[in-house]
């Protein structure tokens, strides 16, 4: 279905479309309808999976844009007006993430694979968390790394049973929580562009820390964590760094190297 073809579903003509920022991995546009409605429309091969993820997050009570329609490679979402982050917005993000993480699964992973562009993300369901992190989040990247770095990442993967908890609560994760995937709107905050799976809640917190500095309002709303979280942070941050290395090249090699060093391998 084309964007113009969506007018039959919404009952109004499409009068304008405008590309939106953040479309590195899929096309994202704002669609204006003749009745004044605005809709966010994404086009990509995995939008059906994304729609299922958003519905699961919504059923957990997490703040996400409402799925209006999904067909083929098109996903139509509720339009949310974006504003600069505020203390209240950061607090809302912390509360929303805490609500998301309160939803539990009975294993780690997700029912299907996902992907970021050309990078396939394995989500094989498992009941052993260190094994999941090794086999689905670290080891798949070894062939793309320089040999010396690959050996260090492989050594870290072998050491995970001593470095990560064996059976943390399998929280529902956003899975790609950098600041660009938090949409602030007034005193509210929404989680967008998910890559969900069940795992250690610290994963989302570690990624948010990697590319931004959450405010105290966020931490107050989310709640205190395990004091030992800092020791695990670089291990969890290594996964998004490896994804960025695969997607965007050697400019991220330094980040990967720093995180491997911080993980004490």
Protein backbone atom coordinates (compact mmCIF):
# COMPACT_ATOMS: atom_id res chain seq x y z
CA UNK A 1 0.00 0.00 0.00
CA UNK A 2 1.22 3.52 -0.83
CA UNK A 3 0.95 6.54 1.46
CA UNK A 4 -1.82 7.88 -0.73
CA UNK A 5 -3.56 4.52 -0.45
CA UNK A 6 -3.76 5.01 3.31
CA UNK A 7 -6.38 7.70 2.75
CA UNK A 8 -8.94 4.91 2.26
CA UNK A 9 -8.17 3.55 5.73
CA UNK A 10 -8.27 6.93 7.49
CA UNK A 11 -11.22 8.27 5.48
CA UNK A 12 -9.37 11.51 4.65
CA UNK A 13 -7.10 12.55 1.81
CA UNK A 14 -3.36 12.78 2.30
CA UNK A 15 -2.57 16.46 1.71
CA UNK A 16 1.13 16.56 2.67
CA UNK A 17 4.03 14.39 3.77
CA UNK A 18 7.30 15.47 5.35
CA UNK A 19 10.37 13.31 6.12
CA UNK A 20 11.25 13.14 9.81
CA UNK A 21 14.65 13.00 11.43
CA UNK A 22 15.99 9.71 12.75
CA UNK A 23 15.31 7.63 9.66
CA UNK A 24 18.74 5.97 9.47
CA UNK A 25 17.31 2.45 9.47
CA UNK A 26 13.82 3.01 8.06
CA UNK A 27 11.87 5.73 6.26
CA UNK A 28 9.84 7.89 8.63
CA UNK A 29 7.43 10.61 7.49
CA UNK A 30 4.75 12.83 8.93
CA UNK A 31 1.51 12.44 7.02
CA UNK A 32 -1.05 15.27 7.14
CA UNK A 33 -4.68 14.42 6.35
CA UNK A 34 -7.36 16.71 5.03
CA UNK A 35 -9.32 16.52 8.30
CA UNK A 36 -6.36 18.00 10.20
CA UNK A 37 -5.10 14.70 11.60
CA UNK A 38 -1.38 14.03 11.64
CA UNK A 39 0.08 10.51 11.58
CA UNK A 40 3.65 9.23 11.91
CA UNK A 41 4.29 6.64 9.20
CA UNK A 42 7.22 4.24 9.10
CA UNK A 43 8.18 2.09 6.13
CA UNK A 44 10.45 -0.92 6.45
CA UNK A 45 10.57 -4.73 6.31
CA UNK A 46 10.25 -5.22 10.09
CA UNK A 47 7.45 -2.80 10.96
CA UNK A 48 5.03 -5.64 11.61
CA UNK A 49 7.32 -6.90 14.38
CA UNK A 50 7.68 -3.35 15.69
CA UNK A 51 3.89 -3.00 15.85
CA UNK A 52 3.69 -6.17 17.94
CA UNK A 53 6.40 -4.82 20.26
CA UNK A 54 4.59 -1.52 20.72
CA UNK A 55 1.34 -3.31 21.52
CA UNK A 56 3.12 -5.47 24.09
CA UNK A 57 4.69 -2.39 25.68
CA UNK A 58 1.31 -0.64 25.75
CA UNK A 59 -0.32 -3.64 27.40
CA UNK A 60 2.34 -3.37 30.12
CA UNK A 61 1.28 0.23 30.74
CA UNK A 62 4.38 1.82 29.23
CA UNK A 63 4.04 5.16 27.40
CA UNK A 64 4.30 4.46 23.67
CA UNK A 65 2.66 5.89 20.54
CA UNK A 66 -0.58 4.10 19.73
CA UNK A 67 -0.50 1.77 16.72
CA UNK A 68 -3.20 3.04 14.34
CA UNK A 69 -2.67 0.72 11.40
CA UNK A 70 -0.12 -1.73 10.07
CA UNK A 71 -0.08 -3.37 6.68
CA UNK A 72 2.80 -4.74 4.64
CA UNK A 73 5.82 -2.50 5.07
CA UNK A 74 3.82 0.44 6.46
CA UNK A 75 3.21 1.26 10.12
CA UNK A 76 0.98 4.17 11.12
CA UNK A 77 1.41 5.59 14.61
CA UNK A 78 -0.24 8.21 16.73
CA UNK A 79 1.35 11.61 16.16
CA UNK A 80 3.07 12.98 19.25
CA UNK A 81 4.19 16.59 19.38
CA UNK A 82 7.84 16.77 20.42
CA UNK A 83 9.23 19.37 22.83
CA UNK A 84 12.64 19.85 24.47
CA UNK A 85 13.38 17.64 27.46
CA UNK A 86 12.40 19.11 30.81
CA UNK A 87 12.86 17.91 34.41
CA UNK A 88 9.24 16.74 34.39
CA UNK A 89 9.82 14.95 31.10
CA UNK A 90 12.89 13.16 32.44
CA UNK A 91 10.88 12.13 35.48
CA UNK A 92 8.14 10.79 33.22
CA UNK A 93 10.75 8.80 31.26
CA UNK A 94 12.04 7.23 34.47
CA UNK A 95 8.53 6.31 35.56
CA UNK A 96 7.64 4.93 32.14
CA UNK A 97 10.76 2.81 31.98
CA UNK A 98 10.14 1.47 35.49
CA UNK A 99 6.62 0.49 34.40
CA UNK A 100 7.97 -1.26 31.31
CA UNK A 101 10.54 -3.20 33.32
CA UNK A 102 7.89 -4.37 35.78
CA UNK A 103 6.45 -6.56 33.00
CA UNK A 104 8.01 -10.01 33.19
CA UNK A 105 8.61 -12.88 30.83
CA UNK A 106 9.38 -16.51 31.55
CA UNK A 107 12.65 -16.56 29.56
CA UNK A 108 15.23 -14.23 28.05
CA UNK A 109 14.92 -13.20 24.39
CA UNK A 110 11.95 -12.75 22.08
CA UNK A 111 9.87 -15.02 19.84
CA UNK A 112 11.63 -13.84 16.67
CA UNK A 113 14.83 -12.29 15.40
CA UNK A 114 14.96 -8.55 14.77
CA UNK A 115 17.46 -6.27 13.12
CA UNK A 116 19.03 -2.86 12.78
CA UNK A 117 19.48 -2.28 9.08
CA UNK A 118 21.72 -5.05 7.76
CA UNK A 119 22.59 -6.27 11.27
CA UNK A 120 20.47 -9.23 12.35
CA UNK A 121 19.75 -9.39 16.08
CA UNK A 122 19.33 -12.87 17.49
CA UNK A 123 16.68 -13.30 20.19
CA UNK A 124 16.78 -17.06 20.76
CA UNK A 125 14.73 -17.76 23.91
CA UNK A 126 16.93 -19.02 26.76
CA UNK A 127 16.73 -19.42 30.52
CA UNK A 128 20.44 -18.74 31.16
CA UNK A 129 21.15 -14.99 30.98
CA UNK A 130 24.98 -15.07 30.61
CA UNK A 131 24.59 -17.60 27.79
CA UNK A 132 22.00 -15.39 26.09
CA UNK A 133 24.26 -12.34 26.30
CA UNK A 134 27.23 -14.29 24.97
CA UNK A 135 25.49 -16.13 22.11
CA UNK A 136 23.01 -13.46 21.02
CA UNK A 137 24.72 -10.16 21.87
CA UNK A 138 28.51 -10.59 21.70
CA UNK A 139 29.70 -13.64 19.75
CA UNK A 140 27.78 -12.88 16.50
CA UNK A 141 29.99 -9.81 16.02
CA UNK A 142 33.36 -11.59 16.19
CA UNK A 143 33.77 -12.09 12.40
CA UNK A 144 33.49 -8.31 11.84
CA UNK A 145 36.13 -7.34 14.42
CA UNK A 146 39.90 -7.04 14.05
CA UNK A 147 41.47 -10.33 15.26
CA UNK A 148 42.97 -8.97 18.50
CA UNK A 149 39.73 -7.29 19.50
CA UNK A 150 37.71 -10.37 18.54
CA UNK A 151 39.83 -12.47 20.89
CA UNK A 152 39.15 -10.09 23.78
CA UNK A 153 35.39 -10.03 23.14
CA UNK A 154 35.41 -13.83 22.93
CA UNK A 155 37.28 -14.01 26.25
CA UNK A 156 34.67 -11.71 27.80
CA UNK A 157 31.88 -13.95 26.50
CA UNK A 158 33.53 -16.98 28.14
CA UNK A 159 33.80 -15.08 31.43
CA UNK A 160 30.15 -13.97 31.57
CA UNK A 161 28.99 -16.71 33.98
CA UNK A 162 31.24 -15.05 36.57
CA UNK A 163 30.46 -11.49 35.49
CA UNK A 164 26.67 -11.43 35.06
CA UNK A 165 23.81 -12.71 37.21
CA UNK A 166 22.61 -16.13 36.08
CA UNK A 167 18.89 -15.47 36.38
CA UNK A 168 17.98 -11.79 36.74
CA UNK A 169 14.28 -11.02 36.51
CA UNK A 170 13.38 -11.23 32.78
CA UNK A 171 12.11 -7.67 32.40
CA UNK A 172 10.47 -6.40 29.24
CA UNK A 173 13.18 -4.26 27.64
CA UNK A 174 12.94 -1.46 25.11
CA UNK A 175 16.13 -2.90 23.66
CA UNK A 176 17.45 0.21 21.87
CA UNK A 177 17.10 2.91 24.47
CA UNK A 178 19.30 5.81 23.47
CA UNK A 179 18.06 9.35 24.00
CA UNK A 180 16.84 9.61 20.38
CA UNK A 181 14.32 6.88 21.13
CA UNK A 182 12.77 8.84 23.99
CA UNK A 183 10.26 11.39 22.73
CA UNK A 184 9.55 14.22 25.17
CA UNK A 185 6.23 15.99 24.87
CA UNK A 186 5.58 18.63 27.52
CA UNK A 187 5.67 16.91 30.90
CA UNK A 188 5.30 13.47 29.27
CA UNK A 189 7.83 11.11 27.71
CA UNK A 190 7.25 8.25 25.27
CA UNK A 191 9.32 5.23 24.31
CA UNK A 192 9.63 4.92 20.53
CA UNK A 193 11.43 2.68 18.00
CA UNK A 194 11.70 -0.40 20.24
CA UNK A 195 13.73 -3.55 19.71
CA UNK A 196 12.10 -5.50 22.53
CA UNK A 197 13.16 -8.65 24.28
CA UNK A 198 13.16 -9.93 27.87
CA UNK A 199 16.34 -9.52 29.87
CA UNK A 200 18.16 -7.77 32.69
CA UNK A 201 16.63 -4.32 33.20
CA UNK A 202 20.13 -2.91 33.54
CA UNK A 203 20.56 -3.31 29.77
CA UNK A 204 18.25 -0.38 28.99
CA UNK A 205 19.83 1.76 31.71
CA UNK A 206 23.32 1.03 30.42
CA UNK A 207 22.49 2.04 26.87
CA UNK A 208 20.79 5.23 28.01
CA UNK A 209 23.97 6.07 29.92
CA UNK A 210 26.15 5.36 26.86
CA UNK A 211 24.95 8.21 24.67
CA UNK A 212 23.41 10.62 27.20
CA UNK A 213 23.39 11.63 30.85
CA UNK A 214 20.00 11.04 32.46
CA UNK A 215 19.10 13.68 35.01
CA UNK A 216 18.48 13.19 38.71
CA UNK A 217 14.75 13.48 38.00
CA UNK A 218 15.02 10.35 35.87
CA UNK A 219 16.87 8.41 38.56
CA UNK A 220 14.49 9.56 41.28
CA UNK A 221 11.50 8.36 39.26
CA UNK A 222 13.05 5.07 38.13
CA UNK A 223 14.32 4.15 41.58
CA UNK A 224 17.57 2.97 43.07
CA UNK A 225 19.43 0.11 41.45
CA UNK A 226 22.03 -2.43 42.51
CA UNK A 227 25.24 -0.63 43.56
CA UNK A 228 27.18 -3.24 41.56
CA UNK A 229 25.49 -2.12 38.34
CA UNK A 230 28.51 0.00 37.40
CA UNK A 231 30.63 -3.15 37.08
CA UNK A 232 28.22 -4.63 34.54
CA UNK A 233 27.56 -1.40 32.64
CA UNK A 234 30.41 -1.68 30.07
CA UNK A 235 29.49 -5.32 29.37
CA UNK A 236 25.96 -4.25 28.47
CA UNK A 237 27.12 -1.13 26.63
CA UNK A 238 29.38 -3.23 24.43
CA UNK A 239 26.43 -4.62 22.49
CA UNK A 240 25.14 -1.27 21.11
CA UNK A 241 28.75 -0.25 20.45
CA UNK A 242 29.23 -3.39 18.36
CA UNK A 243 26.00 -2.69 16.47
CA UNK A 244 27.21 0.84 15.70
CA UNK A 245 30.58 -0.55 14.59
CA UNK A 246 28.86 -2.89 12.14
CA UNK A 247 26.50 -0.21 10.84
CA UNK A 248 28.73 2.84 10.68
CA UNK A 249 32.26 1.55 10.48
CA UNK A 250 35.63 2.11 12.05
CA UNK A 251 34.69 5.42 13.68
CA UNK A 252 33.16 3.29 16.46
CA UNK A 253 36.18 1.02 16.88
CA UNK A 254 37.57 3.27 19.59
CA UNK A 255 34.34 3.06 21.56
CA UNK A 256 34.36 -0.74 21.34
CA UNK A 257 37.99 -0.81 22.50
CA UNK A 258 37.28 1.50 25.45
CA UNK A 259 34.36 -0.63 26.60
CA UNK A 260 36.34 -3.84 26.31
CA UNK A 261 39.02 -2.21 28.44
CA UNK A 262 36.41 -0.97 30.95
CA UNK A 263 35.06 -4.52 31.17
CA UNK A 264 38.53 -5.54 32.40
CA UNK A 265 39.28 -8.06 29.68
